[in-house]
PDB file of N, CA and C in Angstrom:
ATOM      1  N   MET A   1      -6.115   4.726  -3.598  1.00  0.00           N
ATOM      2  CA  MET A   1      -5.639   3.908  -4.663  1.00  0.00           C
ATOM      3  C   MET A   1      -6.006   4.585  -5.980  1.00  0.00           C
ATOM      4  N   VAL A   2      -5.022   4.683  -6.840  1.00  0.00           N
ATOM      5  CA  VAL A   2      -5.210   5.352  -8.128  1.00  0.00           C
ATOM      6  C   VAL A   2      -4.874   4.361  -9.242  1.00  0.00           C
ATOM      7  N   PRO A   3      -5.811   4.103 -10.183  1.00  0.00           N
ATOM      8  CA  PRO A   3      -5.477   3.228 -11.306  1.00  0.00           C
ATOM      9  C   PRO A   3      -4.487   3.911 -12.251  1.00  0.00           C
ATOM     10  N   LEU A   4      -3.508   3.161 -12.719  1.00  0.00           N
ATOM     11  CA  LEU A   4      -2.525   3.673 -13.668  1.00  0.00           C
ATOM     12  C   LEU A   4      -2.906   3.214 -15.081  1.00  0.00           C
ATOM     13  N   ALA A   5      -2.327   3.821 -16.067  1.00  0.00           N
ATOM     14  CA  ALA A   5      -2.650   3.509 -17.469  1.00  0.00           C
ATOM     15  C   ALA A   5      -2.386   2.042 -17.810  1.00  0.00           C
ATOM     16  N   ASP A   6      -1.391   1.418 -17.167  1.00  0.00           N
ATOM     17  CA  ASP A   6      -1.054   0.021 -17.448  1.00  0.00           C
ATOM     18  C   ASP A   6      -1.870  -0.960 -16.603  1.00  0.00           C
ATOM     19  N   ARG A   7      -2.925  -0.483 -15.938  1.00  0.00           N
ATOM     20  CA  ARG A   7      -3.840  -1.256 -15.090  1.00  0.00           C
ATOM     21  C   ARG A   7      -3.249  -1.626 -13.744  1.00  0.00           C
ATOM     22  N   ASN A   8      -2.032  -1.212 -13.437  1.00  0.00           N
ATOM     23  CA  ASN A   8      -1.497  -1.380 -12.099  1.00  0.00           C
ATOM     24  C   ASN A   8      -2.101  -0.295 -11.216  1.00  0.00           C
ATOM     25  N   ARG A   9      -1.699  -0.240  -9.963  1.00  0.00           N
ATOM     26  CA  ARG A   9      -2.292   0.711  -9.030  1.00  0.00           C
ATOM     27  C   ARG A   9      -1.221   1.494  -8.290  1.00  0.00           C
ATOM     28  N   LYS A  10      -1.513   2.768  -8.059  1.00  0.00           N
ATOM     29  CA  LYS A  10      -0.690   3.601  -7.188  1.00  0.00           C
ATOM     30  C   LYS A  10      -1.437   3.700  -5.863  1.00  0.00           C
ATOM     31  N   VAL A  11      -0.751   3.364  -4.780  1.00  0.00           N
ATOM     32  CA  VAL A  11      -1.346   3.415  -3.453  1.00  0.00           C
ATOM     33  C   VAL A  11      -0.736   4.599  -2.723  1.00  0.00           C
ATOM     34  N   VAL A  12      -1.592   5.487  -2.229  1.00  0.00           N
ATOM     35  CA  VAL A  12      -1.152   6.648  -1.461  1.00  0.00           C
ATOM     36  C   VAL A  12      -1.840   6.570  -0.106  1.00  0.00           C
ATOM     37  N   ALA A  13      -1.056   6.617   0.968  1.00  0.00           N
ATOM     38  CA  ALA A  13      -1.605   6.531   2.315  1.00  0.00           C
ATOM     39  C   ALA A  13      -0.979   7.601   3.198  1.00  0.00           C
ATOM     40  N   ALA A  14      -1.755   8.085   4.140  1.00  0.00           N
ATOM     41  CA  ALA A  14      -1.273   9.104   5.077  1.00  0.00           C
ATOM     42  C   ALA A  14      -0.966   8.452   6.416  1.00  0.00           C
ATOM     43  N   GLY A  15       0.042   8.967   7.080  1.00  0.00           N
ATOM     44  CA  GLY A  15       0.404   8.478   8.403  1.00  0.00           C
ATOM     45  C   GLY A  15       1.073   9.580   9.190  1.00  0.00           C
ATOM     46  N   VAL A  16       1.565   9.233  10.365  1.00  0.00           N
ATOM     47  CA  VAL A  16       2.239  10.190  11.239  1.00  0.00           C
ATOM     48  C   VAL A  16       3.712  10.244  10.855  1.00  0.00           C
ATOM     49  N   THR A  17       4.225  11.436  10.610  1.00  0.00           N
ATOM     50  CA  THR A  17       5.622  11.626  10.219  1.00  0.00           C
ATOM     51  C   THR A  17       6.559  10.925  11.199  1.00  0.00           C
ATOM     52  N   GLY A  18       7.500  10.139  10.661  1.00  0.00           N
ATOM     53  CA  GLY A  18       8.502   9.455  11.468  1.00  0.00           C
ATOM     54  C   GLY A  18       8.076   8.090  11.980  1.00  0.00           C
ATOM     55  N   LYS A  19       6.802   7.746  11.905  1.00  0.00           N
ATOM     56  CA  LYS A  19       6.315   6.437  12.347  1.00  0.00           C
ATOM     57  C   LYS A  19       6.554   5.401  11.247  1.00  0.00           C
ATOM     58  N   ILE A  20       6.680   4.134  11.641  1.00  0.00           N
ATOM     59  CA  ILE A  20       6.909   3.045  10.705  1.00  0.00           C
ATOM     60  C   ILE A  20       5.578   2.343  10.430  1.00  0.00           C
ATOM     61  N   TYR A  21       5.282   2.151   9.140  1.00  0.00           N
ATOM     62  CA  TYR A  21       4.044   1.500   8.719  1.00  0.00           C
ATOM     63  C   TYR A  21       4.332   0.384   7.730  1.00  0.00           C
ATOM     64  N   LEU A  22       3.425  -0.590   7.687  1.00  0.00           N
ATOM     65  CA  LEU A  22       3.457  -1.653   6.705  1.00  0.00           C
ATOM     66  C   LEU A  22       2.354  -1.354   5.699  1.00  0.00           C
ATOM     67  N   VAL A  23       2.680  -1.353   4.411  1.00  0.00           N
ATOM     68  CA  VAL A  23       1.666  -1.249   3.377  1.00  0.00           C
ATOM     69  C   VAL A  23       1.376  -2.683   2.955  1.00  0.00           C
ATOM     70  N   GLN A  24       0.121  -3.110   3.126  1.00  0.00           N
ATOM     71  CA  GLN A  24      -0.249  -4.488   2.882  1.00  0.00           C
ATOM     72  C   GLN A  24      -1.320  -4.591   1.807  1.00  0.00           C
ATOM     73  N   ALA A  25      -1.340  -5.741   1.119  1.00  0.00           N
ATOM     74  CA  ALA A  25      -2.332  -6.004   0.074  1.00  0.00           C
ATOM     75  C   ALA A  25      -2.929  -7.389   0.298  1.00  0.00           C
ATOM     76  N   SER A  26      -4.180  -7.538  -0.163  1.00  0.00           N
ATOM     77  CA  SER A  26      -4.882  -8.807  -0.031  1.00  0.00           C
ATOM     78  C   SER A  26      -5.799  -9.004  -1.230  1.00  0.00           C
ATOM     79  N   LYS A  27      -6.010 -10.252  -1.614  1.00  0.00           N
ATOM     80  CA  LYS A  27      -6.971 -10.536  -2.681  1.00  0.00           C
ATOM     81  C   LYS A  27      -8.321 -10.952  -2.118  1.00  0.00           C
ATOM     82  N   ASP A  28      -8.375 -11.216  -0.772  1.00  0.00           N
ATOM     83  CA  ASP A  28      -9.611 -11.744  -0.195  1.00  0.00           C
ATOM     84  C   ASP A  28      -9.952 -11.199   1.196  1.00  0.00           C
ATOM     85  N   LEU A  29      -9.240 -10.237   1.691  1.00  0.00           N
ATOM     86  CA  LEU A  29      -9.422  -9.624   3.020  1.00  0.00           C
ATOM     87  C   LEU A  29      -9.110 -10.573   4.172  1.00  0.00           C
ATOM     88  N   ALA A  30      -8.692 -11.788   3.891  1.00  0.00           N
ATOM     89  CA  ALA A  30      -8.355 -12.748   4.944  1.00  0.00           C
ATOM     90  C   ALA A  30      -6.844 -12.955   5.069  1.00  0.00           C
ATOM     91  N   HIS A  31      -6.137 -12.847   3.964  1.00  0.00           N
ATOM     92  CA  HIS A  31      -4.695 -13.088   3.940  1.00  0.00           C
ATOM     93  C   HIS A  31      -3.992 -11.829   3.438  1.00  0.00           C
ATOM     94  N   TRP A  32      -3.171 -11.244   4.295  1.00  0.00           N
ATOM     95  CA  TRP A  32      -2.503  -9.978   3.965  1.00  0.00           C
ATOM     96  C   TRP A  32      -1.022 -10.205   3.734  1.00  0.00           C
ATOM     97  N   LEU A  33      -0.486  -9.576   2.695  1.00  0.00           N
ATOM     98  CA  LEU A  33       0.924  -9.650   2.345  1.00  0.00           C
ATOM     99  C   LEU A  33       1.524  -8.253   2.481  1.00  0.00           C
ATOM    100  N   THR A  34       2.615  -8.143   3.222  1.00  0.00           N
ATOM    101  CA  THR A  34       3.288  -6.855   3.355  1.00  0.00           C
ATOM    102  C   THR A  34       4.059  -6.565   2.083  1.00  0.00           C
ATOM    103  N   MET A  35       3.710  -5.459   1.438  1.00  0.00           N
ATOM    104  CA  MET A  35       4.364  -5.046   0.203  1.00  0.00           C
ATOM    105  C   MET A  35       5.631  -4.256   0.498  1.00  0.00           C
ATOM    106  N   ILE A  36       5.576  -3.447   1.549  1.00  0.00           N
ATOM    107  CA  ILE A  36       6.705  -2.587   1.896  1.00  0.00           C
ATOM    108  C   ILE A  36       6.560  -2.133   3.350  1.00  0.00           C
ATOM    109  N   THR A  37       7.685  -1.954   4.017  1.00  0.00           N
ATOM    110  CA  THR A  37       7.720  -1.330   5.340  1.00  0.00           C
ATOM    111  C   THR A  37       8.358   0.026   5.132  1.00  0.00           C
ATOM    112  N   ASN A  38       7.715   1.071   5.625  1.00  0.00           N
ATOM    113  CA  ASN A  38       8.161   2.414   5.291  1.00  0.00           C
ATOM    114  C   ASN A  38       8.039   3.346   6.475  1.00  0.00           C
ATOM    115  N   VAL A  39       8.986   4.258   6.598  1.00  0.00           N
ATOM    116  CA  VAL A  39       8.889   5.350   7.565  1.00  0.00           C
ATOM    117  C   VAL A  39       8.224   6.510   6.850  1.00  0.00           C
ATOM    118  N   VAL A  40       7.197   7.072   7.477  1.00  0.00           N
ATOM    119  CA  VAL A  40       6.462   8.166   6.844  1.00  0.00           C
ATOM    120  C   VAL A  40       7.358   9.405   6.780  1.00  0.00           C
ATOM    121  N   PRO A  41       7.501   9.993   5.581  1.00  0.00           N
ATOM    122  CA  PRO A  41       8.321  11.195   5.419  1.00  0.00           C
ATOM    123  C   PRO A  41       7.619  12.434   5.972  1.00  0.00           C
ATOM    124  N   VAL A  42       8.284  13.555   5.865  1.00  0.00           N
ATOM    125  CA  VAL A  42       7.793  14.823   6.414  1.00  0.00           C
ATOM    126  C   VAL A  42       6.427  15.210   5.875  1.00  0.00           C
ATOM    127  N   ASP A  43       6.125  14.894   4.619  1.00  0.00           N
ATOM    128  CA  ASP A  43       4.837  15.294   4.050  1.00  0.00           C
ATOM    129  C   ASP A  43       3.690  14.375   4.481  1.00  0.00           C
ATOM    130  N   SER A  44       3.987  13.370   5.318  1.00  0.00           N
ATOM    131  CA  SER A  44       3.002  12.447   5.899  1.00  0.00           C
ATOM    132  C   SER A  44       2.337  11.510   4.888  1.00  0.00           C
ATOM    133  N   LEU A  45       2.907  11.356   3.686  1.00  0.00           N
ATOM    134  CA  LEU A  45       2.323  10.482   2.673  1.00  0.00           C
ATOM    135  C   LEU A  45       3.289   9.378   2.257  1.00  0.00           C
ATOM    136  N   ILE A  46       2.758   8.175   2.155  1.00  0.00           N
ATOM    137  CA  ILE A  46       3.497   7.042   1.606  1.00  0.00           C
ATOM    138  C   ILE A  46       2.896   6.778   0.229  1.00  0.00           C
ATOM    139  N   THR A  47       3.727   6.677  -0.790  1.00  0.00           N
ATOM    140  CA  THR A  47       3.252   6.399  -2.142  1.00  0.00           C
ATOM    141  C   THR A  47       4.032   5.227  -2.706  1.00  0.00           C
ATOM    142  N   ILE A  48       3.314   4.186  -3.155  1.00  0.00           N
ATOM    143  CA  ILE A  48       3.964   3.058  -3.827  1.00  0.00           C
ATOM    144  C   ILE A  48       3.160   2.688  -5.065  1.00  0.00           C
ATOM    145  N   ASN A  49       3.822   2.090  -6.028  1.00  0.00           N
ATOM    146  CA  ASN A  49       3.152   1.549  -7.211  1.00  0.00           C
ATOM    147  C   ASN A  49       3.082   0.035  -7.048  1.00  0.00           C
ATOM    148  N   ASP A  50       1.868  -0.523  -7.101  1.00  0.00           N
ATOM    149  CA  ASP A  50       1.673  -1.966  -7.011  1.00  0.00           C
ATOM    150  C   ASP A  50       1.712  -2.533  -8.422  1.00  0.00           C
ATOM    151  N   LEU A  51       2.888  -3.007  -8.822  1.00  0.00           N
ATOM    152  CA  LEU A  51       3.075  -3.526 -10.172  1.00  0.00           C
ATOM    153  C   LEU A  51       2.538  -4.943 -10.332  1.00  0.00           C
ATOM    154  N   ALA A  52       2.058  -5.539  -9.240  1.00  0.00           N
ATOM    155  CA  ALA A  52       1.450  -6.877  -9.312  1.00  0.00           C
ATOM    156  C   ALA A  52      -0.070  -6.802  -9.372  1.00  0.00           C
ATOM    157  N   ALA A  53      -0.634  -5.618  -9.354  1.00  0.00           N
ATOM    158  CA  ALA A  53      -2.096  -5.457  -9.304  1.00  0.00           C
ATOM    159  C   ALA A  53      -2.805  -6.116 -10.478  1.00  0.00           C
ATOM    160  N   THR A  54      -2.176  -6.152 -11.635  1.00  0.00           N
ATOM    161  CA  THR A  54      -2.824  -6.753 -12.806  1.00  0.00           C
ATOM    162  C   THR A  54      -2.946  -8.273 -12.695  1.00  0.00           C
ATOM    163  N   ASN A  55      -2.279  -8.872 -11.720  1.00  0.00           N
ATOM    164  CA  ASN A  55      -2.348 -10.322 -11.518  1.00  0.00           C
ATOM    165  C   ASN A  55      -3.591 -10.753 -10.744  1.00  0.00           C
ATOM    166  N   TYR A  56      -4.385  -9.805 -10.277  1.00  0.00           N
ATOM    167  CA  TYR A  56      -5.528 -10.106  -9.423  1.00  0.00           C
ATOM    168  C   TYR A  56      -6.791  -9.443  -9.966  1.00  0.00           C
ATOM    169  N   PRO A  57      -7.933 -10.158  -9.935  1.00  0.00           N
ATOM    170  CA  PRO A  57      -9.182  -9.537 -10.392  1.00  0.00           C
ATOM    171  C   PRO A  57      -9.628  -8.416  -9.462  1.00  0.00           C
ATOM    172  N   ARG A  58      -9.268  -8.505  -8.186  1.00  0.00           N
ATOM    173  CA  ARG A  58      -9.500  -7.412  -7.234  1.00  0.00           C
ATOM    174  C   ARG A  58      -8.392  -7.455  -6.192  1.00  0.00           C
ATOM    175  N   ARG A  59      -8.129  -6.296  -5.614  1.00  0.00           N
ATOM    176  CA  ARG A  59      -7.012  -6.167  -4.677  1.00  0.00           C
ATOM    177  C   ARG A  59      -7.415  -5.139  -3.637  1.00  0.00           C
ATOM    178  N   PHE A  60      -7.153  -5.448  -2.370  1.00  0.00           N
ATOM    179  CA  PHE A  60      -7.454  -4.559  -1.256  1.00  0.00           C
ATOM    180  C   PHE A  60      -6.146  -4.117  -0.617  1.00  0.00           C
ATOM    181  N   TYR A  61      -6.146  -2.924  -0.035  1.00  0.00           N
ATOM    182  CA  TYR A  61      -4.937  -2.381   0.586  1.00  0.00           C
ATOM    183  C   TYR A  61      -5.254  -1.881   1.985  1.00  0.00           C
ATOM    184  N   ARG A  62      -4.214  -1.943   2.836  1.00  0.00           N
ATOM    185  CA  ARG A  62      -4.332  -1.343   4.170  1.00  0.00           C
ATOM    186  C   ARG A  62      -2.958  -0.874   4.623  1.00  0.00           C
ATOM    187  N   LEU A  63      -2.983   0.061   5.550  1.00  0.00           N
ATOM    188  CA  LEU A  63      -1.783   0.598   6.168  1.00  0.00           C
ATOM    189  C   LEU A  63      -1.824   0.163   7.632  1.00  0.00           C
ATOM    190  N   ALA A  64      -0.805  -0.549   8.089  1.00  0.00           N
ATOM    191  CA  ALA A  64      -0.758  -1.042   9.466  1.00  0.00           C
ATOM    192  C   ALA A  64       0.460  -0.470  10.164  1.00  0.00           C
ATOM    193  N   ALA A  65       0.290  -0.026  11.394  1.00  0.00           N
ATOM    194  CA  ALA A  65       1.415   0.492  12.179  1.00  0.00           C
ATOM    195  C   ALA A  65       2.310  -0.660  12.593  1.00  0.00           C
ATOM    196  N   ALA A  66       3.623  -0.486  12.459  1.00  0.00           N
ATOM    197  CA  ALA A  66       4.585  -1.510  12.886  1.00  0.00           C
ATOM    198  C   ALA A  66       4.659  -1.494  14.402  1.00  0.00           C
ATOM    199  N   GLN A  67       4.926  -2.642  14.973  1.00  0.00           N
ATOM    200  CA  GLN A  67       5.010  -2.759  16.438  1.00  0.00           C
ATOM    201  C   GLN A  67       6.356  -2.331  16.947  1.00  0.00           C
TER     202      GLN A  67
END
């Protein structure tokens, strides 16, 4: 996770090329919201900008494999 100048966050995660992953966020580690479902590209990195990050005093992220 990389802080941006506008206080939002850039999330960069690595995965297996061609696999489908869910990028999820939580404010409390108990309730997770899927931000995006993505197929990992050839470079094995998923990059998204969380433009809602400024709405939360803290934010947690995880990468989950799709079933």
